[in-house]
C-alpha atoms as a PDB file:
ATOM      1  CA  UNK A   1      -0.004  -0.002   0.066  1.00  0.00           C
ATOM      2  CA  UNK A   2       1.207   3.242  -0.970  1.00  0.00           C
ATOM      3  CA  UNK A   3       2.162   5.662   2.001  1.00  0.00           C
ATOM      4  CA  UNK A   4       0.436   9.262   1.620  1.00  0.00           C
ATOM      5  CA  UNK A   5       0.126  12.324   3.920  1.00  0.00           C
ATOM      6  CA  UNK A   6      -3.280  13.493   2.243  1.00  0.00           C
ATOM      7  CA  UNK A   7      -5.843  11.457   0.406  1.00  0.00           C
ATOM      8  CA  UNK A   8      -8.439  13.396  -1.418  1.00  0.00           C
ATOM      9  CA  UNK A   9     -11.903  11.962  -2.158  1.00  0.00           C
ATOM     10  CA  UNK A  10     -13.830  13.544  -5.086  1.00  0.00           C
ATOM     11  CA  UNK A  11     -14.290  13.549  -8.847  1.00  0.00           C
ATOM     12  CA  UNK A  12     -11.836  15.080 -11.069  1.00  0.00           C
ATOM     13  CA  UNK A  13     -13.172  15.981 -14.652  1.00  0.00           C
ATOM     14  CA  UNK A  14     -12.335  16.588 -18.194  1.00  0.00           C
ATOM     15  CA  UNK A  15     -12.874  20.181 -19.134  1.00  0.00           C
ATOM     16  CA  UNK A  16     -13.835  20.853 -22.843  1.00  0.00           C
ATOM     17  CA  UNK A  17     -13.851  24.283 -24.450  1.00  0.00           C
ATOM     18  CA  UNK A  18     -16.230  24.736 -27.434  1.00  0.00           C
ATOM     19  CA  UNK A  19     -17.149  27.806 -29.331  1.00  0.00           C
ATOM     20  CA  UNK A  20     -20.602  29.211 -30.040  1.00  0.00           C
ATOM     21  CA  UNK A  21     -21.204  26.863 -32.631  1.00  0.00           C
ATOM     22  CA  UNK A  22     -20.183  23.890 -30.656  1.00  0.00           C
ATOM     23  CA  UNK A  23     -16.750  23.341 -32.112  1.00  0.00           C
ATOM     24  CA  UNK A  24     -13.697  22.653 -29.993  1.00  0.00           C
ATOM     25  CA  UNK A  25     -11.805  26.036 -29.248  1.00  0.00           C
ATOM     26  CA  UNK A  26      -9.137  24.977 -26.994  1.00  0.00           C
ATOM     27  CA  UNK A  27      -7.339  21.653 -26.167  1.00  0.00           C
ATOM     28  CA  UNK A  28      -9.171  19.443 -23.432  1.00  0.00           C
ATOM     29  CA  UNK A  29      -7.591  19.922 -19.664  1.00  0.00           C
ATOM     30  CA  UNK A  30      -8.197  18.503 -16.348  1.00  0.00           C
ATOM     31  CA  UNK A  31      -9.985  20.248 -13.409  1.00  0.00           C
ATOM     32  CA  UNK A  32     -12.615  19.955 -10.717  1.00  0.00           C
ATOM     33  CA  UNK A  33     -12.409  20.737  -7.070  1.00  0.00           C
ATOM     34  CA  UNK A  34     -10.697  17.451  -6.089  1.00  0.00           C
ATOM     35  CA  UNK A  35      -8.127  17.781  -8.650  1.00  0.00           C
ATOM     36  CA  UNK A  36      -7.281  21.296  -7.863  1.00  0.00           C
ATOM     37  CA  UNK A  37      -7.174  20.657  -4.282  1.00  0.00           C
ATOM     38  CA  UNK A  38      -4.838  17.414  -4.810  1.00  0.00           C
ATOM     39  CA  UNK A  39      -2.587  19.526  -7.104  1.00  0.00           C
ATOM     40  CA  UNK A  40      -2.336  21.968  -4.310  1.00  0.00           C
ATOM     41  CA  UNK A  41      -1.530  19.637  -1.724  1.00  0.00           C
ATOM     42  CA  UNK A  42       1.389  18.220  -3.940  1.00  0.00           C
ATOM     43  CA  UNK A  43       2.809  21.465  -4.566  1.00  0.00           C
ATOM     44  CA  UNK A  44       2.909  22.143  -0.946  1.00  0.00           C
ATOM     45  CA  UNK A  45       4.941  19.184  -0.293  1.00  0.00           C
ATOM     46  CA  UNK A  46       2.513  16.389   0.480  1.00  0.00           C
ATOM     47  CA  UNK A  47       2.592  12.851  -0.433  1.00  0.00           C
ATOM     48  CA  UNK A  48      -0.907  12.988  -2.285  1.00  0.00           C
ATOM     49  CA  UNK A  49      -3.394   9.996  -3.386  1.00  0.00           C
ATOM     50  CA  UNK A  50      -6.705  10.654  -5.000  1.00  0.00           C
ATOM     51  CA  UNK A  51      -9.606   8.433  -4.525  1.00  0.00           C
ATOM     52  CA  UNK A  52     -11.962   8.380  -7.288  1.00  0.00           C
ATOM     53  CA  UNK A  53     -13.442   6.300 -10.413  1.00  0.00           C
ATOM     54  CA  UNK A  54     -12.741   7.342 -13.527  1.00  0.00           C
ATOM     55  CA  UNK A  55     -14.165   5.569 -17.200  1.00  0.00           C
ATOM     56  CA  UNK A  56     -11.896   3.297 -19.338  1.00  0.00           C
ATOM     57  CA  UNK A  57     -12.480   6.209 -21.906  1.00  0.00           C
ATOM     58  CA  UNK A  58     -10.194   8.576 -23.458  1.00  0.00           C
ATOM     59  CA  UNK A  59     -11.383  11.085 -20.682  1.00  0.00           C
ATOM     60  CA  UNK A  60     -10.203   8.645 -18.036  1.00  0.00           C
ATOM     61  CA  UNK A  61      -6.991   8.107 -19.781  1.00  0.00           C
ATOM     62  CA  UNK A  62      -6.303  12.067 -19.767  1.00  0.00           C
ATOM     63  CA  UNK A  63      -7.402  12.523 -16.005  1.00  0.00           C
ATOM     64  CA  UNK A  64      -4.699   9.681 -15.193  1.00  0.00           C
ATOM     65  CA  UNK A  65      -2.081  10.930 -17.236  1.00  0.00           C
ATOM     66  CA  UNK A  66      -2.569  14.595 -15.643  1.00  0.00           C
ATOM     67  CA  UNK A  67      -2.662  13.134 -11.964  1.00  0.00           C
ATOM     68  CA  UNK A  68       0.635  10.884 -12.656  1.00  0.00           C
ATOM     69  CA  UNK A  69       2.382  14.016 -14.194  1.00  0.00           C
ATOM     70  CA  UNK A  70       1.663  16.177 -11.136  1.00  0.00           C
ATOM     71  CA  UNK A  71       2.868  13.493  -8.834  1.00  0.00           C
ATOM     72  CA  UNK A  72      -0.212  12.524  -7.505  1.00  0.00           C
ATOM     73  CA  UNK A  73      -0.767   8.930  -6.764  1.00  0.00           C
ATOM     74  CA  UNK A  74      -3.360   7.183  -8.773  1.00  0.00           C
ATOM     75  CA  UNK A  75      -2.814   3.215  -7.203  1.00  0.00           C
ATOM     76  CA  UNK A  76      -6.282   3.469  -5.825  1.00  0.00           C
ATOM     77  CA  UNK A  77      -8.154   5.050  -8.721  1.00  0.00           C
ATOM     78  CA  UNK A  78     -10.918   2.587  -9.862  1.00  0.00           C
ATOM     79  CA  UNK A  79     -11.920   2.253 -13.540  1.00  0.00           C
ATOM     80  CA  UNK A  80     -15.045   0.998 -15.202  1.00  0.00           C
ATOM     81  CA  UNK A  81     -17.338   1.307 -18.275  1.00  0.00           C
ATOM     82  CA  UNK A  82     -19.234   4.333 -17.236  1.00  0.00           C
ATOM     83  CA  UNK A  83     -17.874   7.576 -18.708  1.00  0.00           C
ATOM     84  CA  UNK A  84     -15.411  10.019 -16.922  1.00  0.00           C
ATOM     85  CA  UNK A  85     -17.049  13.042 -15.618  1.00  0.00           C
ATOM     86  CA  UNK A  86     -16.733  16.225 -17.586  1.00  0.00           C
ATOM     87  CA  UNK A  87     -17.680  19.543 -18.051  1.00  0.00           C
ATOM     88  CA  UNK A  88     -18.273  21.850 -21.328  1.00  0.00           C
ATOM     89  CA  UNK A  89     -17.601  25.553 -21.439  1.00  0.00           C
ATOM     90  CA  UNK A  90     -19.080  27.640 -24.179  1.00  0.00           C
ATOM     91  CA  UNK A  91     -19.745  31.486 -24.517  1.00  0.00           C
ATOM     92  CA  UNK A  92     -23.119  33.152 -24.162  1.00  0.00           C
ATOM     93  CA  UNK A  93     -24.537  35.599 -26.608  1.00  0.00           C
ATOM     94  CA  UNK A  94     -22.616  38.246 -24.756  1.00  0.00           C
ATOM     95  CA  UNK A  95     -19.405  36.104 -24.957  1.00  0.00           C
ATOM     96  CA  UNK A  96     -19.527  35.190 -21.243  1.00  0.00           C
ATOM     97  CA  UNK A  97     -18.643  31.547 -20.048  1.00  0.00           C
ATOM     98  CA  UNK A  98     -21.324  29.139 -19.627  1.00  0.00           C
ATOM     99  CA  UNK A  99     -20.858  25.738 -18.034  1.00  0.00           C
ATOM    100  CA  UNK A 100     -22.702  22.498 -18.755  1.00  0.00           C
ATOM    101  CA  UNK A 101     -21.899  19.443 -16.817  1.00  0.00           C
ATOM    102  CA  UNK A 102     -21.921  15.934 -18.009  1.00  0.00           C
ATOM    103  CA  UNK A 103     -21.214  14.079 -14.372  1.00  0.00           C
ATOM    104  CA  UNK A 104     -24.845  12.173 -14.454  1.00  0.00           C
ATOM    105  CA  UNK A 105     -24.219   8.603 -14.603  1.00  0.00           C
ATOM    106  CA  UNK A 106     -20.364   9.164 -14.485  1.00  0.00           C
ATOM    107  CA  UNK A 107     -17.861   6.423 -12.856  1.00  0.00           C
ATOM    108  CA  UNK A 108     -17.601   8.524  -9.892  1.00  0.00           C
ATOM    109  CA  UNK A 109     -21.205   9.337  -9.331  1.00  0.00           C
ATOM    110  CA  UNK A 110     -21.774   5.392  -9.025  1.00  0.00           C
ATOM    111  CA  UNK A 111     -19.338   5.095  -5.954  1.00  0.00           C
ATOM    112  CA  UNK A 112     -20.855   4.185  -2.625  1.00  0.00           C
ATOM    113  CA  UNK A 113     -19.388   2.944   0.966  1.00  0.00           C
ATOM    114  CA  UNK A 114     -18.658  -0.499  -0.543  1.00  0.00           C
ATOM    115  CA  UNK A 115     -15.267   1.088  -1.989  1.00  0.00           C
ATOM    116  CA  UNK A 116     -14.265   1.109   1.616  1.00  0.00           C
ATOM    117  CA  UNK A 117     -14.304  -2.581   1.941  1.00  0.00           C
ATOM    118  CA  UNK A 118     -11.109  -4.299   1.915  1.00  0.00           C
ATOM    119  CA  UNK A 119     -12.423  -7.063  -0.303  1.00  0.00           C
ATOM    120  CA  UNK A 120     -13.584  -4.815  -2.996  1.00  0.00           C
ATOM    121  CA  UNK A 121     -11.548  -3.157  -6.063  1.00  0.00           C
ATOM    122  CA  UNK A 122     -11.228  -0.138  -4.607  1.00  0.00           C
ATOM    123  CA  UNK A 123     -10.499  -1.042  -0.909  1.00  0.00           C
ATOM    124  CA  UNK A 124     -10.022   2.379   0.498  1.00  0.00           C
ATOM    125  CA  UNK A 125     -10.747   1.620   3.966  1.00  0.00           C
ATOM    126  CA  UNK A 126      -7.158   0.622   4.958  1.00  0.00           C
ATOM    127  CA  UNK A 127      -5.983   3.759   2.801  1.00  0.00           C
ATOM    128  CA  UNK A 128      -7.844   6.024   4.878  1.00  0.00           C
ATOM    129  CA  UNK A 129      -6.963   4.382   8.153  1.00  0.00           C
ATOM    130  CA  UNK A 130      -3.168   4.711   7.460  1.00  0.00           C
ATOM    131  CA  UNK A 131      -3.454   8.122   6.043  1.00  0.00           C
ATOM    132  CA  UNK A 132      -2.838  11.242   8.168  1.00  0.00           C
ATOM    133  CA  UNK A 133      -5.660  13.446   6.447  1.00  0.00           C
ATOM    134  CA  UNK A 134      -8.388  13.159   4.444  1.00  0.00           C
ATOM    135  CA  UNK A 135      -9.824  15.724   2.283  1.00  0.00           C
ATOM    136  CA  UNK A 136     -13.196  15.866   0.830  1.00  0.00           C
ATOM    137  CA  UNK A 137     -16.412  17.865   0.429  1.00  0.00           C
ATOM    138  CA  UNK A 138     -19.833  18.890  -0.412  1.00  0.00           C
ATOM    139  CA  UNK A 139     -19.616  18.600  -4.144  1.00  0.00           C
ATOM    140  CA  UNK A 140     -18.825  14.645  -3.861  1.00  0.00           C
ATOM    141  CA  UNK A 141     -21.303  14.290  -1.302  1.00  0.00           C
ATOM    142  CA  UNK A 142     -23.724  15.906  -3.671  1.00  0.00           C
ATOM    143  CA  UNK A 143     -23.546  13.617  -6.799  1.00  0.00           C
ATOM    144  CA  UNK A 144     -25.779  10.893  -5.421  1.00  0.00           C
ATOM    145  CA  UNK A 145     -26.992   9.269  -2.344  1.00  0.00           C
ATOM    146  CA  UNK A 146     -24.254   6.772  -2.910  1.00  0.00           C
ATOM    147  CA  UNK A 147     -21.564   9.320  -2.788  1.00  0.00           C
ATOM    148  CA  UNK A 148     -22.980  11.002   0.121  1.00  0.00           C
ATOM    149  CA  UNK A 149     -23.023   7.759   2.114  1.00  0.00           C
ATOM    150  CA  UNK A 150     -19.200   7.401   0.886  1.00  0.00           C
ATOM    151  CA  UNK A 151     -18.273  10.763   2.140  1.00  0.00           C
ATOM    152  CA  UNK A 152     -19.903  10.330   5.420  1.00  0.00           C
ATOM    153  CA  UNK A 153     -18.457   6.814   6.149  1.00  0.00           C
ATOM    154  CA  UNK A 154     -14.801   8.094   5.031  1.00  0.00           C
ATOM    155  CA  UNK A 155     -15.148  11.088   7.206  1.00  0.00           C
ATOM    156  CA  UNK A 156     -15.910   8.726  10.305  1.00  0.00           C
ATOM    157  CA  UNK A 157     -13.235   6.319   9.202  1.00  0.00           C
ATOM    158  CA  UNK A 158     -10.582   8.691   8.592  1.00  0.00           C
ATOM    159  CA  UNK A 159      -7.658   9.940  11.259  1.00  0.00           C
ATOM    160  CA  UNK A 160      -8.313  13.590  10.497  1.00  0.00           C
ATOM    161  CA  UNK A 161     -10.674  14.987   8.015  1.00  0.00           C
ATOM    162  CA  UNK A 162     -10.744  18.275   6.108  1.00  0.00           C
ATOM    163  CA  UNK A 163     -14.400  19.224   4.780  1.00  0.00           C
ATOM    164  CA  UNK A 164     -15.138  21.820   2.167  1.00  0.00           C
ATOM    165  CA  UNK A 165     -18.752  22.754   2.017  1.00  0.00           C
ATOM    166  CA  UNK A 166     -18.675  24.145  -1.666  1.00  0.00           C
ATOM    167  CA  UNK A 167     -22.289  24.266  -2.108  1.00  0.00           C
ATOM    168  CA  UNK A 168     -23.409  23.910  -5.548  1.00  0.00           C
ATOM    169  CA  UNK A 169     -27.131  24.890  -6.259  1.00  0.00           C
ATOM    170  CA  UNK A 170     -27.271  22.665  -9.638  1.00  0.00           C
ATOM    171  CA  UNK A 171     -26.262  19.580  -7.581  1.00  0.00           C
ATOM    172  CA  UNK A 172     -28.160  19.964  -4.429  1.00  0.00           C
ATOM    173  CA  UNK A 173     -30.642  21.897  -2.176  1.00  0.00           C
ATOM    174  CA  UNK A 174     -29.605  24.205   0.726  1.00  0.00           C
ATOM    175  CA  UNK A 175     -31.417  21.680   2.976  1.00  0.00           C
ATOM    176  CA  UNK A 176     -29.537  18.748   1.836  1.00  0.00           C
ATOM    177  CA  UNK A 177     -26.112  20.407   2.019  1.00  0.00           C
ATOM    178  CA  UNK A 178     -26.716  21.508   5.469  1.00  0.00           C
ATOM    179  CA  UNK A 179     -27.827  18.011   6.516  1.00  0.00           C
ATOM    180  CA  UNK A 180     -24.739  16.749   5.248  1.00  0.00           C
ATOM    181  CA  UNK A 181     -22.724  19.245   6.763  1.00  0.00           C
ATOM    182  CA  UNK A 182     -24.242  18.647  10.127  1.00  0.00           C
ATOM    183  CA  UNK A 183     -23.603  14.718   9.924  1.00  0.00           C
ATOM    184  CA  UNK A 184     -19.779  14.993   9.026  1.00  0.00           C
ATOM    185  CA  UNK A 185     -18.870  18.193  10.886  1.00  0.00           C
ATOM    186  CA  UNK A 186     -18.675  16.605  14.361  1.00  0.00           C
ATOM    187  CA  UNK A 187     -15.684  14.179  12.777  1.00  0.00           C
ATOM    188  CA  UNK A 188     -13.976  16.838  11.076  1.00  0.00           C
ATOM    189  CA  UNK A 189     -10.735  18.451  12.174  1.00  0.00           C
ATOM    190  CA  UNK A 190     -11.166  21.340   9.640  1.00  0.00           C
ATOM    191  CA  UNK A 191     -14.266  22.626   7.960  1.00  0.00           C
ATOM    192  CA  UNK A 192     -14.038  25.379   5.383  1.00  0.00           C
ATOM    193  CA  UNK A 193     -17.087  27.349   4.169  1.00  0.00           C
ATOM    194  CA  UNK A 194     -17.452  30.282   1.868  1.00  0.00           C
ATOM    195  CA  UNK A 195     -19.421  33.504   2.564  1.00  0.00           C
ATOM    196  CA  UNK A 196     -22.012  34.498   1.262  1.00  0.00           C
ATOM    197  CA  UNK A 197     -21.868  31.538  -1.324  1.00  0.00           C
ATOM    198  CA  UNK A 198     -22.136  28.692   0.966  1.00  0.00           C
ATOM    199  CA  UNK A 199     -23.174  30.450   3.963  1.00  0.00           C
ATOM    200  CA  UNK A 200     -25.947  32.499   2.734  1.00  0.00           C
ATOM    201  CA  UNK A 201     -27.827  29.444   1.316  1.00  0.00           C
ATOM    202  CA  UNK A 202     -27.308  26.934   4.212  1.00  0.00           C
ATOM    203  CA  UNK A 203     -27.486  29.442   7.271  1.00  0.00           C
ATOM    204  CA  UNK A 204     -29.033  32.707   5.962  1.00  0.00           C
ATOM    205  CA  UNK A 205     -25.813  34.530   7.187  1.00  0.00           C
ATOM    206  CA  UNK A 206     -23.229  36.381   5.497  1.00  0.00           C
ATOM    207  CA  UNK A 207     -21.243  37.896   8.225  1.00  0.00           C
ATOM    208  CA  UNK A 208     -17.981  35.861   8.674  1.00  0.00           C
ATOM    209  CA  UNK A 209     -18.054  35.888  12.253  1.00  0.00           C
ATOM    210  CA  UNK A 210     -21.806  34.753  12.461  1.00  0.00           C
ATOM    211  CA  UNK A 211     -21.078  32.165   9.920  1.00  0.00           C
ATOM    212  CA  UNK A 212     -17.991  31.121  12.097  1.00  0.00           C
ATOM    213  CA  UNK A 213     -20.126  30.778  15.119  1.00  0.00           C
ATOM    214  CA  UNK A 214     -23.043  28.767  13.283  1.00  0.00           C
ATOM    215  CA  UNK A 215     -20.324  26.118  11.913  1.00  0.00           C
ATOM    216  CA  UNK A 216     -18.378  26.011  15.062  1.00  0.00           C
ATOM    217  CA  UNK A 217     -21.656  24.967  17.212  1.00  0.00           C
ATOM    218  CA  UNK A 218     -21.423  21.949  14.781  1.00  0.00           C
ATOM    219  CA  UNK A 219     -17.931  20.953  15.315  1.00  0.00           C
ATOM    220  CA  UNK A 220     -14.965  20.961  17.787  1.00  0.00           C
ATOM    221  CA  UNK A 221     -12.707  21.419  14.884  1.00  0.00           C
ATOM    222  CA  UNK A 222     -11.282  24.488  13.352  1.00  0.00           C
ATOM    223  CA  UNK A 223     -13.824  26.294  11.106  1.00  0.00           C
ATOM    224  CA  UNK A 224     -12.490  28.416   8.044  1.00  0.00           C
ATOM    225  CA  UNK A 225     -14.517  31.088   6.727  1.00  0.00           C
ATOM    226  CA  UNK A 226     -13.458  32.762   3.346  1.00  0.00           C
ATOM    227  CA  UNK A 227     -14.923  35.955   2.127  1.00  0.00           C
ATOM    228  CA  UNK A 228     -13.155  36.901  -1.016  1.00  0.00           C
ATOM    229  CA  UNK A 229     -10.837  39.672  -0.653  1.00  0.00           C
ATOM    230  CA  UNK A 230     -12.231  40.387   2.959  1.00  0.00           C
ATOM    231  CA  UNK A 231     -10.015  39.015   5.785  1.00  0.00           C
ATOM    232  CA  UNK A 232     -10.389  35.313   6.274  1.00  0.00           C
ATOM    233  CA  UNK A 233     -11.878  34.239   9.569  1.00  0.00           C
ATOM    234  CA  UNK A 234     -11.151  31.205  12.014  1.00  0.00           C
ATOM    235  CA  UNK A 235     -12.861  29.810  14.921  1.00  0.00           C
ATOM    236  CA  UNK A 236     -11.619  27.025  17.171  1.00  0.00           C
ATOM    237  CA  UNK A 237     -10.183  26.337  20.482  1.00  0.00           C
ATOM    238  CA  UNK A 238      -8.157  29.678  20.166  1.00  0.00           C
ATOM    239  CA  UNK A 239     -10.911  31.539  19.587  1.00  0.00           C
ATOM    240  CA  UNK A 240     -12.061  33.933  16.716  1.00  0.00           C
ATOM    241  CA  UNK A 241      -8.991  35.372  14.637  1.00  0.00           C
ATOM    242  CA  UNK A 242      -8.885  37.211  11.473  1.00  0.00           C
ATOM    243  CA  UNK A 243      -6.189  36.798   8.643  1.00  0.00           C
ATOM    244  CA  UNK A 244      -5.636  39.649   5.895  1.00  0.00           C
ATOM    245  CA  UNK A 245      -5.911  38.145   2.595  1.00  0.00           C
ATOM    246  CA  UNK A 246      -2.556  38.445   0.846  1.00  0.00           C
ATOM    247  CA  UNK A 247      -2.410  40.520  -2.507  1.00  0.00           C
ATOM    248  CA  UNK A 248      -2.378  38.778  -5.739  1.00  0.00           C
ATOM    249  CA  UNK A 249       0.485  39.646  -7.909  1.00  0.00           C
ATOM    250  CA  UNK A 250      -1.772  40.072 -10.751  1.00  0.00           C
ATOM    251  CA  UNK A 251      -5.147  39.101 -10.346  1.00  0.00           C
ATOM    252  CA  UNK A 252      -6.873  37.300 -13.510  1.00  0.00           C
ATOM    253  CA  UNK A 253      -9.345  34.578 -12.143  1.00  0.00           C
ATOM    254  CA  UNK A 254     -10.124  33.371  -8.937  1.00  0.00           C
ATOM    255  CA  UNK A 255     -11.631  29.952 -10.311  1.00  0.00           C
ATOM    256  CA  UNK A 256     -10.325  27.136  -7.772  1.00  0.00           C
ATOM    257  CA  UNK A 257      -8.687  29.466  -5.225  1.00  0.00           C
ATOM    258  CA  UNK A 258     -10.921  27.895  -2.391  1.00  0.00           C
ATOM    259  CA  UNK A 259      -9.843  24.480  -3.639  1.00  0.00           C
ATOM    260  CA  UNK A 260      -6.024  25.622  -3.439  1.00  0.00           C
ATOM    261  CA  UNK A 261      -6.622  26.921  -0.099  1.00  0.00           C
ATOM    262  CA  UNK A 262      -7.949  23.934   1.516  1.00  0.00           C
ATOM    263  CA  UNK A 263      -5.494  21.490  -0.338  1.00  0.00           C
ATOM    264  CA  UNK A 264      -2.591  23.622   0.770  1.00  0.00           C
ATOM    265  CA  UNK A 265      -3.824  23.627   4.364  1.00  0.00           C
ATOM    266  CA  UNK A 266      -4.663  19.739   4.561  1.00  0.00           C
ATOM    267  CA  UNK A 267      -0.817  19.123   3.281  1.00  0.00           C
ATOM    268  CA  UNK A 268       0.859  21.523   5.733  1.00  0.00           C
ATOM    269  CA  UNK A 269      -1.096  20.185   8.593  1.00  0.00           C
ATOM    270  CA  UNK A 270      -0.591  16.599   7.596  1.00  0.00           C
ATOM    271  CA  UNK A 271       3.042  17.534   7.569  1.00  0.00           C
ATOM    272  CA  UNK A 272       2.883  18.444  11.046  1.00  0.00           C
ATOM    273  CA  UNK A 273       2.844  22.269  10.876  1.00  0.00           C
ATOM    274  CA  UNK A 274       0.667  24.428  13.379  1.00  0.00           C
ATOM    275  CA  UNK A 275      -2.298  26.119  12.075  1.00  0.00           C
ATOM    276  CA  UNK A 276      -0.669  29.537  12.658  1.00  0.00           C
ATOM    277  CA  UNK A 277       1.914  28.711   9.951  1.00  0.00           C
ATOM    278  CA  UNK A 278      -0.173  26.461   7.951  1.00  0.00           C
ATOM    279  CA  UNK A 279      -3.052  29.004   6.994  1.00  0.00           C
ATOM    280  CA  UNK A 280      -1.004  31.933   5.994  1.00  0.00           C
ATOM    281  CA  UNK A 281       0.750  29.624   3.402  1.00  0.00           C
ATOM    282  CA  UNK A 282      -2.677  28.142   2.355  1.00  0.00           C
ATOM    283  CA  UNK A 283      -3.638  31.908   1.874  1.00  0.00           C
ATOM    284  CA  UNK A 284      -0.720  32.800  -0.079  1.00  0.00           C
ATOM    285  CA  UNK A 285      -0.987  29.774  -2.330  1.00  0.00           C
ATOM    286  CA  UNK A 286      -4.794  30.551  -2.988  1.00  0.00           C
ATOM    287  CA  UNK A 287      -3.893  34.246  -3.703  1.00  0.00           C
ATOM    288  CA  UNK A 288      -1.064  33.075  -6.373  1.00  0.00           C
ATOM    289  CA  UNK A 289      -3.358  30.709  -8.048  1.00  0.00           C
ATOM    290  CA  UNK A 290      -5.701  33.746  -8.923  1.00  0.00           C
ATOM    291  CA  UNK A 291      -2.647  35.228 -11.177  1.00  0.00           C
ATOM    292  CA  UNK A 292      -3.839  32.783 -13.991  1.00  0.00           C
ATOM    293  CA  UNK A 293      -6.833  31.315 -15.665  1.00  0.00           C
ATOM    294  CA  UNK A 294      -7.950  27.862 -14.679  1.00  0.00           C
ATOM    295  CA  UNK A 295      -8.393  26.498 -11.045  1.00  0.00           C
ATOM    296  CA  UNK A 296      -5.314  24.187 -10.889  1.00  0.00           C
ATOM    297  CA  UNK A 297      -2.411  25.789  -9.114  1.00  0.00           C
ATOM    298  CA  UNK A 298       1.094  26.446 -10.626  1.00  0.00           C
ATOM    299  CA  UNK A 299       2.920  28.178  -7.896  1.00  0.00           C
ATOM    300  CA  UNK A 300       5.850  26.240  -6.285  1.00  0.00           C
ATOM    301  CA  UNK A 301       6.177  26.069  -2.317  1.00  0.00           C
ATOM    302  CA  UNK A 302       9.353  28.569  -2.753  1.00  0.00           C
ATOM    303  CA  UNK A 303       7.074  30.888  -4.633  1.00  0.00           C
ATOM    304  CA  UNK A 304       4.293  30.664  -2.164  1.00  0.00           C
ATOM    305  CA  UNK A 305       6.928  31.043   0.711  1.00  0.00           C
ATOM    306  CA  UNK A 306       8.420  34.081  -0.905  1.00  0.00           C
ATOM    307  CA  UNK A 307       5.024  35.794  -1.115  1.00  0.00           C
ATOM    308  CA  UNK A 308       5.177  35.475   2.716  1.00  0.00           C
ATOM    309  CA  UNK A 309       8.624  36.718   3.096  1.00  0.00           C
ATOM    310  CA  UNK A 310       9.825  33.392   4.489  1.00  0.00           C
ATOM    311  CA  UNK A 311      11.951  32.672   1.135  1.00  0.00           C
END
C-alpha cells in the first residue's frame, strides 16, 4: 500500500472548451475541485493520493496522465465502463462563459461505501486508516445518495478530515447540503465554508463572525470562513481570529482559489505544521492561483513562501 500524507476523495473532470457553434476552441484539460485541491497539496510538499473512479474512456486516460504528471498517486483509482465526469465551457450571446456539466451517470457518481471494504476493487478503508489527513467535500457528497454515504463513512473512518462545504445549487439543495454538513462536521478537524456563497443558502448568514459561530456549533474542529478579498476568519480552540488576504501579484481569475487554499492547508497540517503557519501559507497559495486562468495551481512552494517573506 502506498504511503500518503493526504488522500483526496472526489471527482476530477475533463474540461472541454467549445465555441458558439459547438466546435472545440481549446485543447481538453483536467479540472474540478478534487483535482485542484490534490494538485495544491502536492505542490505544498505532501505525498498525495486520489480516491475516485474514472471511465475506461479517453477522458479517464487523460485524467490519469495529468494526475501522474503532477505527482499524485493513482494506485487506488478505480476504472469501469461508465463515462468519466466532464464539463463543457461555451460562450453565451454576450461572450460570457457558460458551464454545462456531464457528470450524471459518471464513474465517480456510482461510488458508495462499498468502496471502503477491503475485499473490493477500491479497498479504500485501509488507505484512509493509514493516511494522516482525508480531504473531501460537499460536491462529492452531492453527486448521488451513494456518494453522500461514502463521504460520510470516509470522514468517520479517517484519522483527521478536512471538509470543504462547496455548495453547488445545480447539484443539491441548501437543506440537503446543511444536512450533510451537520452529519460530517462533528468528525472533522477542519471545515471550510465560503461567505456568502455557501453560508447564505445554508444558514441565511453572511457575516463571517456569525458564520464561524454557526459552523463552530457543529464541530470541535477549526472552522475556516473565506470571504473573497475580505479577511479570512477562523474559529476554534483559540477563539476567533482574522487573517488579512495577501495581495495577488496580478489578479486574473479566482476559479479554484478555495480548492487551492484547502488543499494547501490539508497538506501542511498533515506534515505537522501548526495552524498559525499552515493557514498563511494556504492563503498565499490561493492568492497566487488567481494570477492565471484555470483552477489548478502552478506556484511552487518556494514561490508561495517568497510571497510570505519566508523565502
